[in-house]
Each structure stands twice: as C-alpha cells, then as structure tokens.
Amino acid sequence: MWAHLFDDESKELDKEPFVFGADDIIDIMVADLPNADSGFKLLFSHGPFPAYQAHGEWVREEMEWNWYSLKNHSIEGWLCPALLKFFDRR
C-alpha cells in the first residue's frame, strides 16, 4: 500500500510512510539518482543550501497538516505527521 517508508532511530520511527502524493514527489526527485531503490538521503531545510537538487514549497494547511508542492512540477503531496518530530512547531 505504501510506496516509500523511512526510518530514524533517533526519533523512534520505524517504517513510517510518506502519504498522499509525497511518494510521487519522491519518485520525481530520485528519477535520475543511480541506485535510488537501495536508499537515498532526503534533507529538509527552511531555505536552500549549496548543491540542492529539488525545491519543495508549502502550499496550504488542511486539517492541521500541511500540503507541499515540488517546484517546477504540477504535483502536490501531504507529508506524514511524523516529520513534525524533526522541526519545532511555529
């Protein structure tokens, strides 16, 4: 059912799913990445950093969670609430 899962022992997360279109965004982001099926690193930042390969943008809040789009693509995705463990709430 879930196309992409992630783990992070430091946040006590095991096999967390990306949901509602975020997996399609990831497919676009890794399309040209050799051996992406074996794993890759996805970093999130409040702003661009040197050598970034993709740029996601916040679109809207819905039912207390957030939708994002991939810049230069007409696609949106909702990222799982577990990602809130990585950022301070504002």
PDB file of N, CA and C in Angstrom:
ATOM      1  N   MET A   1       0.809  -1.200   0.000  1.00  0.00           N
ATOM      2  CA  MET A   1       0.000   0.000   0.000  1.00  0.00           C
ATOM      3  C   MET A   1       0.852   1.264   0.000  1.00  0.00           C
ATOM      4  N   TRP A   2       1.914   1.318   0.791  1.00  0.00           N
ATOM      5  CA  TRP A   2       2.778   2.493   0.857  1.00  0.00           C
ATOM      6  C   TRP A   2       3.993   2.268  -0.020  1.00  0.00           C
ATOM      7  N   ALA A   3       4.312   3.248  -0.846  1.00  0.00           N
ATOM      8  CA  ALA A   3       5.425   3.078  -1.776  1.00  0.00           C
ATOM      9  C   ALA A   3       6.780   3.374  -1.141  1.00  0.00           C
ATOM     10  N   HIS A   4       6.826   4.339  -0.230  1.00  0.00           N
ATOM     11  CA  HIS A   4       8.104   4.735   0.352  1.00  0.00           C
ATOM     12  C   HIS A   4       7.974   4.789   1.871  1.00  0.00           C
ATOM     13  N   LEU A   5       8.933   4.192   2.553  1.00  0.00           N
ATOM     14  CA  LEU A   5       8.967   4.196   4.007  1.00  0.00           C
ATOM     15  C   LEU A   5      10.296   4.769   4.451  1.00  0.00           C
ATOM     16  N   PHE A   6      10.326   5.327   5.673  1.00  0.00           N
ATOM     17  CA  PHE A   6      11.595   5.804   6.198  1.00  0.00           C
ATOM     18  C   PHE A   6      11.726   5.429   7.658  1.00  0.00           C
ATOM     19  N   ASP A   7      12.975   5.339   8.099  1.00  0.00           N
ATOM     20  CA  ASP A   7      13.316   5.018   9.489  1.00  0.00           C
ATOM     21  C   ASP A   7      14.198   6.120  10.050  1.00  0.00           C
ATOM     22  N   ASP A   8      14.110   6.337  11.340  1.00  0.00           N
ATOM     23  CA  ASP A   8      15.046   7.202  12.052  1.00  0.00           C
ATOM     24  C   ASP A   8      15.032   6.781  13.512  1.00  0.00           C
ATOM     25  N   GLU A   9      16.055   6.020  13.894  1.00  0.00           N
ATOM     26  CA  GLU A   9      16.127   5.517  15.259  1.00  0.00           C
ATOM     27  C   GLU A   9      16.142   6.643  16.283  1.00  0.00           C
ATOM     28  N   SER A  10      16.791   7.762  15.962  1.00  0.00           N
ATOM     29  CA  SER A  10      16.888   8.870  16.926  1.00  0.00           C
ATOM     30  C   SER A  10      15.527   9.484  17.244  1.00  0.00           C
ATOM     31  N   LYS A  11      14.546   9.313  16.365  1.00  0.00           N
ATOM     32  CA  LYS A  11      13.190   9.844  16.567  1.00  0.00           C
ATOM     33  C   LYS A  11      12.194   8.728  16.880  1.00  0.00           C
ATOM     34  N   GLU A  12      12.721   7.508  17.075  1.00  0.00           N
ATOM     35  CA  GLU A  12      11.904   6.333  17.354  1.00  0.00           C
ATOM     36  C   GLU A  12      10.872   6.073  16.246  1.00  0.00           C
ATOM     37  N   LEU A  13      11.320   6.213  15.002  1.00  0.00           N
ATOM     38  CA  LEU A  13      10.460   5.978  13.846  1.00  0.00           C
ATOM     39  C   LEU A  13      10.965   4.749  13.102  1.00  0.00           C
ATOM     40  N   ASP A  14      10.054   3.857  12.769  1.00  0.00           N
ATOM     41  CA  ASP A  14      10.407   2.650  12.038  1.00  0.00           C
ATOM     42  C   ASP A  14       9.359   2.416  10.953  1.00  0.00           C
ATOM     43  N   LYS A  15       9.806   2.413   9.720  1.00  0.00           N
ATOM     44  CA  LYS A  15       8.934   2.167   8.571  1.00  0.00           C
ATOM     45  C   LYS A  15       7.735   3.119   8.532  1.00  0.00           C
ATOM     46  N   GLU A  16       7.998   4.405   8.673  1.00  0.00           N
ATOM     47  CA  GLU A  16       6.950   5.432   8.570  1.00  0.00           C
ATOM     48  C   GLU A  16       6.645   5.690   7.104  1.00  0.00           C
ATOM     49  N   PRO A  17       5.395   5.763   6.729  1.00  0.00           N
ATOM     50  CA  PRO A  17       5.052   6.019   5.326  1.00  0.00           C
ATOM     51  C   PRO A  17       4.988   7.500   4.989  1.00  0.00           C
ATOM     52  N   PHE A  18       5.417   7.847   3.780  1.00  0.00           N
ATOM     53  CA  PHE A  18       5.070   9.134   3.182  1.00  0.00           C
ATOM     54  C   PHE A  18       3.727   8.878   2.495  1.00  0.00           C
ATOM     55  N   VAL A  19       2.813   9.810   2.591  1.00  0.00           N
ATOM     56  CA  VAL A  19       1.474   9.515   2.086  1.00  0.00           C
ATOM     57  C   VAL A  19       0.912  10.621   1.216  1.00  0.00           C
ATOM     58  N   PHE A  20      -0.197  10.311   0.529  1.00  0.00           N
ATOM     59  CA  PHE A  20      -0.975  11.257  -0.274  1.00  0.00           C
ATOM     60  C   PHE A  20      -0.142  12.071  -1.253  1.00  0.00           C
ATOM     61  N   GLY A  21       0.537  11.407  -2.160  1.00  0.00           N
ATOM     62  CA  GLY A  21       1.256  12.089  -3.226  1.00  0.00           C
ATOM     63  C   GLY A  21       2.714  12.365  -2.948  1.00  0.00           C
ATOM     64  N   ALA A  22       3.133  12.333  -1.696  1.00  0.00           N
ATOM     65  CA  ALA A  22       4.546  12.581  -1.398  1.00  0.00           C
ATOM     66  C   ALA A  22       5.420  11.501  -2.019  1.00  0.00           C
ATOM     67  N   ASP A  23       4.917  10.279  -2.119  1.00  0.00           N
ATOM     68  CA  ASP A  23       5.704   9.226  -2.759  1.00  0.00           C
ATOM     69  C   ASP A  23       5.916   9.524  -4.239  1.00  0.00           C
ATOM     70  N   ASP A  24       4.921  10.141  -4.887  1.00  0.00           N
ATOM     71  CA  ASP A  24       5.089  10.526  -6.291  1.00  0.00           C
ATOM     72  C   ASP A  24       6.123  11.648  -6.425  1.00  0.00           C
ATOM     73  N   ILE A  25       6.130  12.578  -5.484  1.00  0.00           N
ATOM     74  CA  ILE A  25       7.131  13.647  -5.477  1.00  0.00           C
ATOM     75  C   ILE A  25       8.524  13.044  -5.329  1.00  0.00           C
ATOM     76  N   ILE A  26       8.667  12.084  -4.434  1.00  0.00           N
ATOM     77  CA  ILE A  26       9.963  11.431  -4.238  1.00  0.00           C
ATOM     78  C   ILE A  26      10.392  10.708  -5.510  1.00  0.00           C
ATOM     79  N   ASP A  27       9.457  10.042  -6.190  1.00  0.00           N
ATOM     80  CA  ASP A  27       9.802   9.373  -7.445  1.00  0.00           C
ATOM     81  C   ASP A  27      10.388  10.352  -8.455  1.00  0.00           C
ATOM     82  N   ILE A  28       9.811  11.538  -8.561  1.00  0.00           N
ATOM     83  CA  ILE A  28      10.330  12.565  -9.470  1.00  0.00           C
ATOM     84  C   ILE A  28      11.725  13.003  -9.017  1.00  0.00           C
ATOM     85  N   MET A  29      11.896  13.203  -7.710  1.00  0.00           N
ATOM     86  CA  MET A  29      13.172  13.693  -7.195  1.00  0.00           C
ATOM     87  C   MET A  29      14.321  12.715  -7.419  1.00  0.00           C
ATOM     88  N   VAL A  30      14.040  11.417  -7.374  1.00  0.00           N
ATOM     89  CA  VAL A  30      15.114  10.422  -7.476  1.00  0.00           C
ATOM     90  C   VAL A  30      15.192   9.760  -8.850  1.00  0.00           C
ATOM     91  N   ALA A  31      14.400  10.231  -9.803  1.00  0.00           N
ATOM     92  CA  ALA A  31      14.347   9.593 -11.122  1.00  0.00           C
ATOM     93  C   ALA A  31      15.726   9.432 -11.760  1.00  0.00           C
ATOM     94  N   ASP A  32      16.599  10.389 -11.595  1.00  0.00           N
ATOM     95  CA  ASP A  32      17.934  10.324 -12.203  1.00  0.00           C
ATOM     96  C   ASP A  32      19.025   9.948 -11.202  1.00  0.00           C
ATOM     97  N   LEU A  33      18.639   9.513 -10.024  1.00  0.00           N
ATOM     98  CA  LEU A  33      19.602   9.153  -8.978  1.00  0.00           C
ATOM     99  C   LEU A  33      19.948   7.673  -9.091  1.00  0.00           C
ATOM    100  N   PRO A  34      21.217   7.353  -9.385  1.00  0.00           N
ATOM    101  CA  PRO A  34      21.604   5.942  -9.516  1.00  0.00           C
ATOM    102  C   PRO A  34      21.347   5.178  -8.213  1.00  0.00           C
ATOM    103  N   ASN A  35      20.818   3.984  -8.330  1.00  0.00           N
ATOM    104  CA  ASN A  35      20.596   3.079  -7.199  1.00  0.00           C
ATOM    105  C   ASN A  35      19.663   3.645  -6.126  1.00  0.00           C
ATOM    106  N   ALA A  36      18.737   4.502  -6.492  1.00  0.00           N
ATOM    107  CA  ALA A  36      17.816   5.086  -5.517  1.00  0.00           C
ATOM    108  C   ALA A  36      16.996   4.012  -4.803  1.00  0.00           C
ATOM    109  N   ASP A  37      16.744   2.901  -5.466  1.00  0.00           N
ATOM    110  CA  ASP A  37      15.989   1.825  -4.820  1.00  0.00           C
ATOM    111  C   ASP A  37      16.730   1.229  -3.631  1.00  0.00           C
ATOM    112  N   SER A  38      18.033   1.434  -3.591  1.00  0.00           N
ATOM    113  CA  SER A  38      18.838   0.932  -2.473  1.00  0.00           C
ATOM    114  C   SER A  38      18.883   1.921  -1.314  1.00  0.00           C
ATOM    115  N   GLY A  39      18.342   3.107  -1.517  1.00  0.00           N
ATOM    116  CA  GLY A  39      18.315   4.117  -0.465  1.00  0.00           C
ATOM    117  C   GLY A  39      18.904   5.426  -0.939  1.00  0.00           C
ATOM    118  N   PHE A  40      18.491   6.495  -0.284  1.00  0.00           N
ATOM    119  CA  PHE A  40      18.996   7.827  -0.586  1.00  0.00           C
ATOM    120  C   PHE A  40      18.747   8.703   0.638  1.00  0.00           C
ATOM    121  N   LYS A  41      19.383   9.842   0.666  1.00  0.00           N
ATOM    122  CA  LYS A  41      19.218  10.768   1.785  1.00  0.00           C
ATOM    123  C   LYS A  41      18.380  11.947   1.320  1.00  0.00           C
ATOM    124  N   LEU A  42      17.333  12.242   2.077  1.00  0.00           N
ATOM    125  CA  LEU A  42      16.452  13.369   1.793  1.00  0.00           C
ATOM    126  C   LEU A  42      16.560  14.334   2.966  1.00  0.00           C
ATOM    127  N   LEU A  43      17.030  15.544   2.689  1.00  0.00           N
ATOM    128  CA  LEU A  43      17.212  16.551   3.738  1.00  0.00           C
ATOM    129  C   LEU A  43      16.153  17.629   3.612  1.00  0.00           C
ATOM    130  N   PHE A  44      15.678  18.108   4.735  1.00  0.00           N
ATOM    131  CA  PHE A  44      14.711  19.195   4.770  1.00  0.00           C
ATOM    132  C   PHE A  44      15.382  20.411   5.388  1.00  0.00           C
ATOM    133  N   SER A  45      15.057  21.583   4.886  1.00  0.00           N
ATOM    134  CA  SER A  45      15.667  22.816   5.363  1.00  0.00           C
ATOM    135  C   SER A  45      14.656  23.950   5.211  1.00  0.00           C
ATOM    136  N   HIS A  46      14.802  24.965   6.053  1.00  0.00           N
ATOM    137  CA  HIS A  46      13.942  26.144   5.928  1.00  0.00           C
ATOM    138  C   HIS A  46      14.290  26.961   4.688  1.00  0.00           C
ATOM    139  N   GLY A  47      15.474  26.796   4.151  1.00  0.00           N
ATOM    140  CA  GLY A  47      15.900  27.524   2.968  1.00  0.00           C
ATOM    141  C   GLY A  47      16.831  26.678   2.133  1.00  0.00           C
ATOM    142  N   PRO A  48      17.144  27.133   0.930  1.00  0.00           N
ATOM    143  CA  PRO A  48      18.052  26.372   0.061  1.00  0.00           C
ATOM    144  C   PRO A  48      19.451  26.257   0.669  1.00  0.00           C
ATOM    145  N   PHE A  49      20.136  25.212   0.332  1.00  0.00           N
ATOM    146  CA  PHE A  49      21.518  25.047   0.754  1.00  0.00           C
ATOM    147  C   PHE A  49      22.341  24.645  -0.457  1.00  0.00           C
ATOM    148  N   PRO A  50      23.671  24.772  -0.379  1.00  0.00           N
ATOM    149  CA  PRO A  50      24.510  24.507  -1.551  1.00  0.00           C
ATOM    150  C   PRO A  50      24.256  23.113  -2.139  1.00  0.00           C
ATOM    151  N   ALA A  51      24.178  23.066  -3.444  1.00  0.00           N
ATOM    152  CA  ALA A  51      24.057  21.827  -4.214  1.00  0.00           C
ATOM    153  C   ALA A  51      22.718  21.104  -4.019  1.00  0.00           C
ATOM    154  N   TYR A  52      21.667  21.832  -3.637  1.00  0.00           N
ATOM    155  CA  TYR A  52      20.371  21.154  -3.522  1.00  0.00           C
ATOM    156  C   TYR A  52      19.883  20.730  -4.902  1.00  0.00           C
ATOM    157  N   GLN A  53      19.126  19.623  -4.947  1.00  0.00           N
ATOM    158  CA  GLN A  53      18.647  19.093  -6.216  1.00  0.00           C
ATOM    159  C   GLN A  53      17.152  19.317  -6.442  1.00  0.00           C
ATOM    160  N   ALA A  54      16.404  19.599  -5.402  1.00  0.00           N
ATOM    161  CA  ALA A  54      14.961  19.802  -5.541  1.00  0.00           C
ATOM    162  C   ALA A  54      14.511  20.853  -4.536  1.00  0.00           C
ATOM    163  N   HIS A  55      13.409  21.495  -4.860  1.00  0.00           N
ATOM    164  CA  HIS A  55      12.888  22.563  -4.018  1.00  0.00           C
ATOM    165  C   HIS A  55      11.395  22.327  -3.815  1.00  0.00           C
ATOM    166  N   GLY A  56      11.021  22.004  -2.590  1.00  0.00           N
ATOM    167  CA  GLY A  56       9.613  21.850  -2.241  1.00  0.00           C
ATOM    168  C   GLY A  56       9.105  23.129  -1.608  1.00  0.00           C
ATOM    169  N   GLU A  57       7.810  23.377  -1.776  1.00  0.00           N
ATOM    170  CA  GLU A  57       7.212  24.584  -1.214  1.00  0.00           C
ATOM    171  C   GLU A  57       5.934  24.236  -0.469  1.00  0.00           C
ATOM    172  N   TRP A  58       5.711  24.909   0.669  1.00  0.00           N
ATOM    173  CA  TRP A  58       4.476  24.750   1.406  1.00  0.00           C
ATOM    174  C   TRP A  58       3.338  25.328   0.581  1.00  0.00           C
ATOM    175  N   VAL A  59       2.199  24.631   0.527  1.00  0.00           N
ATOM    176  CA  VAL A  59       1.061  25.071  -0.259  1.00  0.00           C
ATOM    177  C   VAL A  59      -0.083  25.541   0.640  1.00  0.00           C
ATOM    178  N   ARG A  60      -0.471  24.677   1.594  1.00  0.00           N
ATOM    179  CA  ARG A  60      -1.606  25.032   2.444  1.00  0.00           C
ATOM    180  C   ARG A  60      -1.689  24.072   3.625  1.00  0.00           C
ATOM    181  N   GLU A  61      -2.429  24.506   4.629  1.00  0.00           N
ATOM    182  CA  GLU A  61      -2.743  23.650   5.760  1.00  0.00           C
ATOM    183  C   GLU A  61      -4.126  23.052   5.537  1.00  0.00           C
ATOM    184  N   GLU A  62      -4.281  21.804   5.922  1.00  0.00           N
ATOM    185  CA  GLU A  62      -5.575  21.140   5.824  1.00  0.00           C
ATOM    186  C   GLU A  62      -5.713  20.172   6.994  1.00  0.00           C
ATOM    187  N   MET A  63      -6.729  20.383   7.792  1.00  0.00           N
ATOM    188  CA  MET A  63      -6.979  19.515   8.950  1.00  0.00           C
ATOM    189  C   MET A  63      -5.731  19.363   9.821  1.00  0.00           C
ATOM    190  N   GLU A  64      -5.055  20.466  10.101  1.00  0.00           N
ATOM    191  CA  GLU A  64      -3.881  20.548  10.968  1.00  0.00           C
ATOM    192  C   GLU A  64      -2.601  19.990  10.357  1.00  0.00           C
ATOM    193  N   TRP A  65      -2.628  19.509   9.122  1.00  0.00           N
ATOM    194  CA  TRP A  65      -1.419  19.011   8.477  1.00  0.00           C
ATOM    195  C   TRP A  65      -1.152  19.839   7.229  1.00  0.00           C
ATOM    196  N   ASN A  66      -0.007  19.645   6.631  1.00  0.00           N
ATOM    197  CA  ASN A  66       0.441  20.534   5.563  1.00  0.00           C
ATOM    198  C   ASN A  66       0.662  19.819   4.237  1.00  0.00           C
ATOM    199  N   TRP A  67       0.286  20.515   3.170  1.00  0.00           N
ATOM    200  CA  TRP A  67       0.498  20.066   1.808  1.00  0.00           C
ATOM    201  C   TRP A  67       1.670  20.837   1.210  1.00  0.00           C
ATOM    202  N   TYR A  68       2.445  20.143   0.371  1.00  0.00           N
ATOM    203  CA  TYR A  68       3.615  20.728  -0.276  1.00  0.00           C
ATOM    204  C   TYR A  68       3.566  20.441  -1.772  1.00  0.00           C
ATOM    205  N   SER A  69       4.264  21.266  -2.529  1.00  0.00           N
ATOM    206  CA  SER A  69       4.411  21.004  -3.959  1.00  0.00           C
ATOM    207  C   SER A  69       5.898  20.964  -4.287  1.00  0.00           C
ATOM    208  N   LEU A  70       6.221  20.347  -5.391  1.00  0.00           N
ATOM    209  CA  LEU A  70       7.591  20.301  -5.881  1.00  0.00           C
ATOM    210  C   LEU A  70       7.733  21.404  -6.913  1.00  0.00           C
ATOM    211  N   LYS A  71       8.616  22.336  -6.646  1.00  0.00           N
ATOM    212  CA  LYS A  71       8.784  23.486  -7.531  1.00  0.00           C
ATOM    213  C   LYS A  71       9.051  23.009  -8.960  1.00  0.00           C
ATOM    214  N   ASN A  72       8.426  23.681  -9.916  1.00  0.00           N
ATOM    215  CA  ASN A  72       8.542  23.396 -11.342  1.00  0.00           C
ATOM    216  C   ASN A  72       7.828  22.110 -11.776  1.00  0.00           C
ATOM    217  N   HIS A  73       6.961  21.570 -10.917  1.00  0.00           N
ATOM    218  CA  HIS A  73       6.148  20.405 -11.267  1.00  0.00           C
ATOM    219  C   HIS A  73       4.723  20.672 -10.773  1.00  0.00           C
ATOM    220  N   SER A  74       3.739  20.182 -11.489  1.00  0.00           N
ATOM    221  CA  SER A  74       2.349  20.378 -11.070  1.00  0.00           C
ATOM    222  C   SER A  74       1.889  19.167 -10.264  1.00  0.00           C
ATOM    223  N   ILE A  75       2.473  19.029  -9.078  1.00  0.00           N
ATOM    224  CA  ILE A  75       2.166  17.895  -8.213  1.00  0.00           C
ATOM    225  C   ILE A  75       2.166  18.383  -6.764  1.00  0.00           C
ATOM    226  N   GLU A  76       1.272  17.824  -5.959  1.00  0.00           N
ATOM    227  CA  GLU A  76       1.213  18.144  -4.538  1.00  0.00           C
ATOM    228  C   GLU A  76       1.264  16.853  -3.734  1.00  0.00           C
ATOM    229  N   GLY A  77       1.729  16.963  -2.500  1.00  0.00           N
ATOM    230  CA  GLY A  77       1.762  15.816  -1.610  1.00  0.00           C
ATOM    231  C   GLY A  77       1.651  16.247  -0.168  1.00  0.00           C
ATOM    232  N   TRP A  78       1.122  15.353   0.627  1.00  0.00           N
ATOM    233  CA  TRP A  78       0.977  15.568   2.065  1.00  0.00           C
ATOM    234  C   TRP A  78       2.022  14.718   2.747  1.00  0.00           C
ATOM    235  N   LEU A  79       2.837  15.322   3.586  1.00  0.00           N
ATOM    236  CA  LEU A  79       3.876  14.575   4.286  1.00  0.00           C
ATOM    237  C   LEU A  79       3.354  14.096   5.629  1.00  0.00           C
ATOM    238  N   CYS A  80       3.763  12.915   6.033  1.00  0.00           N
ATOM    239  CA  CYS A  80       3.228  12.301   7.242  1.00  0.00           C
ATOM    240  C   CYS A  80       3.547  13.137   8.480  1.00  0.00           C
ATOM    241  N   PRO A  81       2.668  13.096   9.472  1.00  0.00           N
ATOM    242  CA  PRO A  81       2.844  13.878  10.694  1.00  0.00           C
ATOM    243  C   PRO A  81       4.116  13.538  11.466  1.00  0.00           C
ATOM    244  N   ALA A  82       4.703  12.364  11.236  1.00  0.00           N
ATOM    245  CA  ALA A  82       5.939  12.004  11.931  1.00  0.00           C
ATOM    246  C   ALA A  82       7.053  13.004  11.636  1.00  0.00           C
ATOM    247  N   LEU A  83       6.980  13.689  10.500  1.00  0.00           N
ATOM    248  CA  LEU A  83       8.008  14.673  10.171  1.00  0.00           C
ATOM    249  C   LEU A  83       8.035  15.827  11.167  1.00  0.00           C
ATOM    250  N   LEU A  84       6.939  16.041  11.883  1.00  0.00           N
ATOM    251  CA  LEU A  84       6.922  17.103  12.892  1.00  0.00           C
ATOM    252  C   LEU A  84       7.913  16.834  14.014  1.00  0.00           C
ATOM    253  N   LYS A  85       8.345  15.596  14.166  1.00  0.00           N
ATOM    254  CA  LYS A  85       9.359  15.271  15.170  1.00  0.00           C
ATOM    255  C   LYS A  85      10.714  15.890  14.832  1.00  0.00           C
ATOM    256  N   PHE A  86      10.877  16.351  13.603  1.00  0.00           N
ATOM    257  CA  PHE A  86      12.148  16.899  13.149  1.00  0.00           C
ATOM    258  C   PHE A  86      12.209  18.423  13.217  1.00  0.00           C
ATOM    259  N   PHE A  87      11.063  19.091  13.411  1.00  0.00           N
ATOM    260  CA  PHE A  87      11.005  20.554  13.355  1.00  0.00           C
ATOM    261  C   PHE A  87      10.246  21.103  14.557  1.00  0.00           C
ATOM    262  N   ASP A  88      10.637  22.291  14.981  1.00  0.00           N
ATOM    263  CA  ASP A  88       9.880  22.991  16.006  1.00  0.00           C
ATOM    264  C   ASP A  88       8.585  23.480  15.399  1.00  0.00           C
ATOM    265  N   ARG A  89       7.510  23.419  16.156  1.00  0.00           N
ATOM    266  CA  ARG A  89       6.242  23.974  15.673  1.00  0.00           C
ATOM    267  C   ARG A  89       6.266  25.465  15.857  1.00  0.00           C
ATOM    268  N   ARG A  90       5.713  26.193  14.887  1.00  0.00           N
ATOM    269  CA  ARG A  90       5.655  27.649  14.973  1.00  0.00           C
ATOM    270  C   ARG A  90       4.243  28.089  15.200  1.00  0.00           C
TER     271      ARG A  90
END
